[in-house]
Amino acid sequence: TIKNSTIKNLNIVVTGVSGNAKNAGALAGIIDCDDSLTTSSIENVTVTYENNFATPVIENFGGIAGTIKNTVIKNSTVNGLVVDADAQLENAGLIVGVNENGTIQNSTVNGTIYATTNVGGIAGVNKGTISNITGSVEIKYNKTVNGANAGGVVGKNRGVFSYISIKN
């Protein structure tokens, strides 16, 4: 967990992920700001995935973070993320799994993601704001799971998104 922090100008290369977790991402499982007057900020972060995943079982998965709370992610990129059909992911997105009152803006995504429920090109579940995102994504999900939600932008939306250009 990263709390009440600002992270800038970081390049992360991920060569593989396996195992079980509640929240998982290249930067952190959870990025949170518990102060209502400020936000955590992630700026100019590039995450490149070089290999496909093994067979992780993860509840909230994102290329940068599993869950963000009261956090701004901007000017960031996730490339090459490919999660295969054997993975068991819920609430999965190329940037974050769950966006709780956060903002994701001016960022780029490129990759393929498979999940059992709530899978999106940017976020699996959005309860915040997403704007000015570009990229190319391929979304795959388990169509036999009752209640599975999938979308090029978000799997399940309870927030706001605008100015999105996603090819799939």
Protein backbone atom coordinates (compact mmCIF):
# COMPACT_ATOMS: atom_id res chain seq x y z
CA THR A 1 0.00 0.00 0.00
CA ILE A 2 1.18 3.49 -0.92
CA LYS A 3 -0.48 6.25 1.15
CA ASN A 4 -0.50 10.03 0.84
CA SER A 5 2.31 10.11 -1.72
CA THR A 6 3.43 11.64 -5.00
CA ILE A 7 5.33 9.46 -7.46
CA LYS A 8 6.76 10.97 -10.65
CA ASN A 9 8.87 9.95 -13.64
CA LEU A 10 9.10 6.21 -13.07
CA ASN A 11 9.68 3.44 -15.63
CA ILE A 12 8.73 -0.09 -14.55
CA VAL A 13 9.42 -3.28 -16.54
CA VAL A 14 7.48 -6.36 -15.41
CA THR A 15 8.74 -9.74 -16.58
CA GLY A 16 6.03 -11.93 -15.03
CA VAL A 17 3.40 -12.21 -12.34
CA SER A 18 2.02 -15.26 -10.55
CA GLY A 19 0.34 -16.15 -7.30
CA ASN A 20 -2.78 -15.09 -5.43
CA ALA A 21 -3.60 -11.62 -4.12
CA LYS A 22 -6.50 -9.33 -3.21
CA ASN A 23 -4.94 -6.24 -4.86
CA ALA A 24 -2.05 -6.31 -7.33
CA GLY A 25 -0.35 -3.95 -9.76
CA ALA A 26 3.15 -3.12 -10.99
CA LEU A 27 3.44 -0.07 -8.71
CA ALA A 28 1.26 -1.11 -5.78
CA GLY A 29 -1.70 -3.18 -4.70
CA ILE A 30 -3.44 -0.11 -3.25
CA ILE A 31 -2.67 3.58 -3.70
CA ASP A 32 -4.66 5.57 -1.17
CA CYS A 33 -4.96 9.06 0.22
CA ASP A 34 -6.85 9.13 3.50
CA ASP A 35 -6.72 12.92 3.80
CA SER A 36 -9.86 14.49 2.32
CA LEU A 37 -8.01 17.75 1.55
CA THR A 38 -5.32 16.22 -0.68
CA THR A 39 -4.82 13.35 -3.10
CA SER A 40 -2.06 10.91 -3.87
CA SER A 41 -0.56 11.60 -7.29
CA ILE A 42 1.04 9.29 -9.87
CA GLU A 43 2.59 11.19 -12.81
CA ASN A 44 4.59 10.13 -15.86
CA VAL A 45 4.73 6.45 -14.94
CA THR A 46 5.36 3.95 -17.73
CA VAL A 47 4.74 0.26 -17.11
CA THR A 48 5.87 -2.25 -19.73
CA TYR A 49 4.94 -5.91 -19.46
CA GLU A 50 7.42 -8.12 -21.32
CA ASN A 51 5.84 -11.55 -20.79
CA ASN A 52 2.40 -13.01 -20.44
CA PHE A 53 1.11 -13.82 -17.00
CA ALA A 54 1.29 -17.26 -15.49
CA THR A 55 -2.04 -18.15 -13.88
CA PRO A 56 -2.64 -15.60 -11.13
CA VAL A 57 -5.76 -15.45 -9.00
CA ILE A 58 -6.27 -11.77 -8.18
CA GLU A 59 -9.39 -9.97 -6.99
CA ASN A 60 -8.45 -6.39 -8.03
CA PHE A 61 -5.77 -6.19 -10.73
CA GLY A 62 -4.43 -3.24 -12.70
CA GLY A 63 -1.35 -2.56 -14.79
CA ILE A 64 -0.35 0.24 -12.38
CA ALA A 65 -2.39 -0.54 -9.23
CA GLY A 66 -5.05 -2.97 -8.06
CA THR A 67 -7.09 -0.24 -6.37
CA ILE A 68 -6.76 3.54 -6.22
CA LYS A 69 -8.59 5.66 -3.65
CA ASN A 70 -8.59 9.47 -3.82
CA THR A 71 -5.64 9.26 -6.20
CA VAL A 72 -4.78 11.00 -9.48
CA ILE A 73 -2.98 9.03 -12.22
CA LYS A 74 -1.94 11.23 -15.12
CA ASN A 75 0.37 11.26 -18.13
CA SER A 76 1.05 7.56 -17.65
CA THR A 77 1.30 4.55 -19.98
CA VAL A 78 0.73 0.81 -19.71
CA ASN A 79 2.09 -1.26 -22.62
CA GLY A 80 2.19 -4.91 -23.55
CA LEU A 81 0.03 -6.28 -20.78
CA VAL A 82 -1.30 -9.67 -21.83
CA VAL A 83 -3.24 -11.77 -19.36
CA ASP A 84 -4.20 -15.20 -20.67
CA ALA A 85 -7.42 -17.17 -20.34
CA ASP A 86 -6.13 -19.32 -17.46
CA ALA A 87 -5.88 -16.30 -15.18
CA GLN A 88 -8.64 -15.80 -12.65
CA LEU A 89 -9.04 -12.06 -12.36
CA GLU A 90 -11.95 -10.03 -11.03
CA ASN A 91 -12.13 -6.25 -11.40
CA ALA A 92 -9.29 -6.01 -13.91
CA GLY A 93 -8.11 -3.13 -16.08
CA LEU A 94 -4.99 -2.15 -17.96
CA ILE A 95 -4.43 0.83 -15.60
CA VAL A 96 -6.37 -0.08 -12.41
CA GLY A 97 -8.69 -2.79 -11.20
CA VAL A 98 -10.87 -0.46 -9.11
CA ASN A 99 -11.01 3.34 -9.21
CA GLU A 100 -12.61 4.65 -5.99
CA ASN A 101 -13.02 8.44 -6.13
CA GLY A 102 -9.82 8.75 -8.14
CA THR A 103 -8.97 10.43 -11.44
CA ILE A 104 -7.21 8.80 -14.37
CA GLN A 105 -6.32 11.29 -17.11
CA ASN A 106 -4.10 12.00 -20.12
CA SER A 107 -2.82 8.43 -20.29
CA THR A 108 -2.30 5.61 -22.81
CA VAL A 109 -3.05 1.86 -22.72
CA ASN A 110 -2.02 -0.94 -25.09
CA GLY A 111 -2.59 -4.62 -24.37
CA THR A 112 -4.91 -7.59 -23.97
CA ILE A 113 -6.66 -8.55 -20.77
CA TYR A 114 -8.86 -11.51 -19.82
CA ALA A 115 -10.93 -11.64 -16.66
CA THR A 116 -13.82 -13.57 -15.21
CA THR A 117 -15.84 -10.49 -14.14
CA ASN A 118 -15.64 -6.69 -14.50
CA VAL A 119 -12.92 -6.26 -17.11
CA GLY A 120 -12.16 -3.01 -18.91
CA GLY A 121 -9.49 -1.43 -21.06
CA ILE A 122 -8.77 1.19 -18.40
CA ALA A 123 -10.51 0.00 -15.22
CA GLY A 124 -12.50 -3.05 -14.17
CA VAL A 125 -14.72 -0.92 -11.91
CA ASN A 126 -14.88 2.87 -12.12
CA LYS A 127 -16.34 4.94 -9.26
CA GLY A 128 -14.32 8.03 -10.15
CA THR A 129 -13.36 10.05 -13.22
CA ILE A 130 -11.54 8.88 -16.36
CA SER A 131 -10.68 11.34 -19.14
CA ASN A 132 -8.41 11.84 -22.14
CA ILE A 133 -7.27 8.25 -22.60
CA THR A 134 -6.01 6.73 -25.87
CA GLY A 135 -4.87 3.27 -26.83
CA SER A 136 -5.56 -0.13 -28.28
CA VAL A 137 -7.03 -2.90 -26.15
CA GLU A 138 -8.41 -6.37 -26.56
CA ILE A 139 -10.89 -7.44 -23.90
CA LYS A 140 -11.73 -11.06 -23.20
CA TYR A 141 -14.00 -12.35 -20.48
CA ASN A 142 -15.71 -15.52 -19.34
CA LYS A 143 -19.13 -15.31 -20.98
CA THR A 144 -20.43 -18.19 -18.89
CA VAL A 145 -20.08 -16.32 -15.58
CA ASN A 146 -23.39 -14.82 -14.46
CA GLY A 147 -22.99 -11.06 -14.02
CA ALA A 148 -19.76 -10.75 -16.00
CA ASN A 149 -19.23 -7.18 -17.24
CA ALA A 150 -16.77 -6.23 -19.98
CA GLY A 151 -16.05 -3.03 -21.88
CA GLY A 152 -13.37 -1.32 -23.93
CA VAL A 153 -13.19 1.50 -21.34
CA VAL A 154 -14.57 0.03 -18.09
CA GLY A 155 -16.23 -3.22 -17.11
CA LYS A 156 -18.63 -1.64 -14.60
CA ASN A 157 -19.13 2.12 -14.40
CA ARG A 158 -20.51 4.12 -11.48
CA GLY A 159 -18.46 7.19 -12.29
CA VAL A 160 -17.75 9.51 -15.21
CA PHE A 161 -15.61 9.10 -18.31
CA SER A 162 -15.01 11.40 -21.29
CA TYR A 163 -12.71 11.96 -24.27
CA ILE A 164 -11.71 8.32 -24.68
CA SER A 165 -10.24 6.91 -27.90
CA ILE A 166 -9.81 3.14 -27.61
CA LYS A 167 -9.37 0.79 -30.57
CA ASN A 168 -10.26 -2.86 -30.08
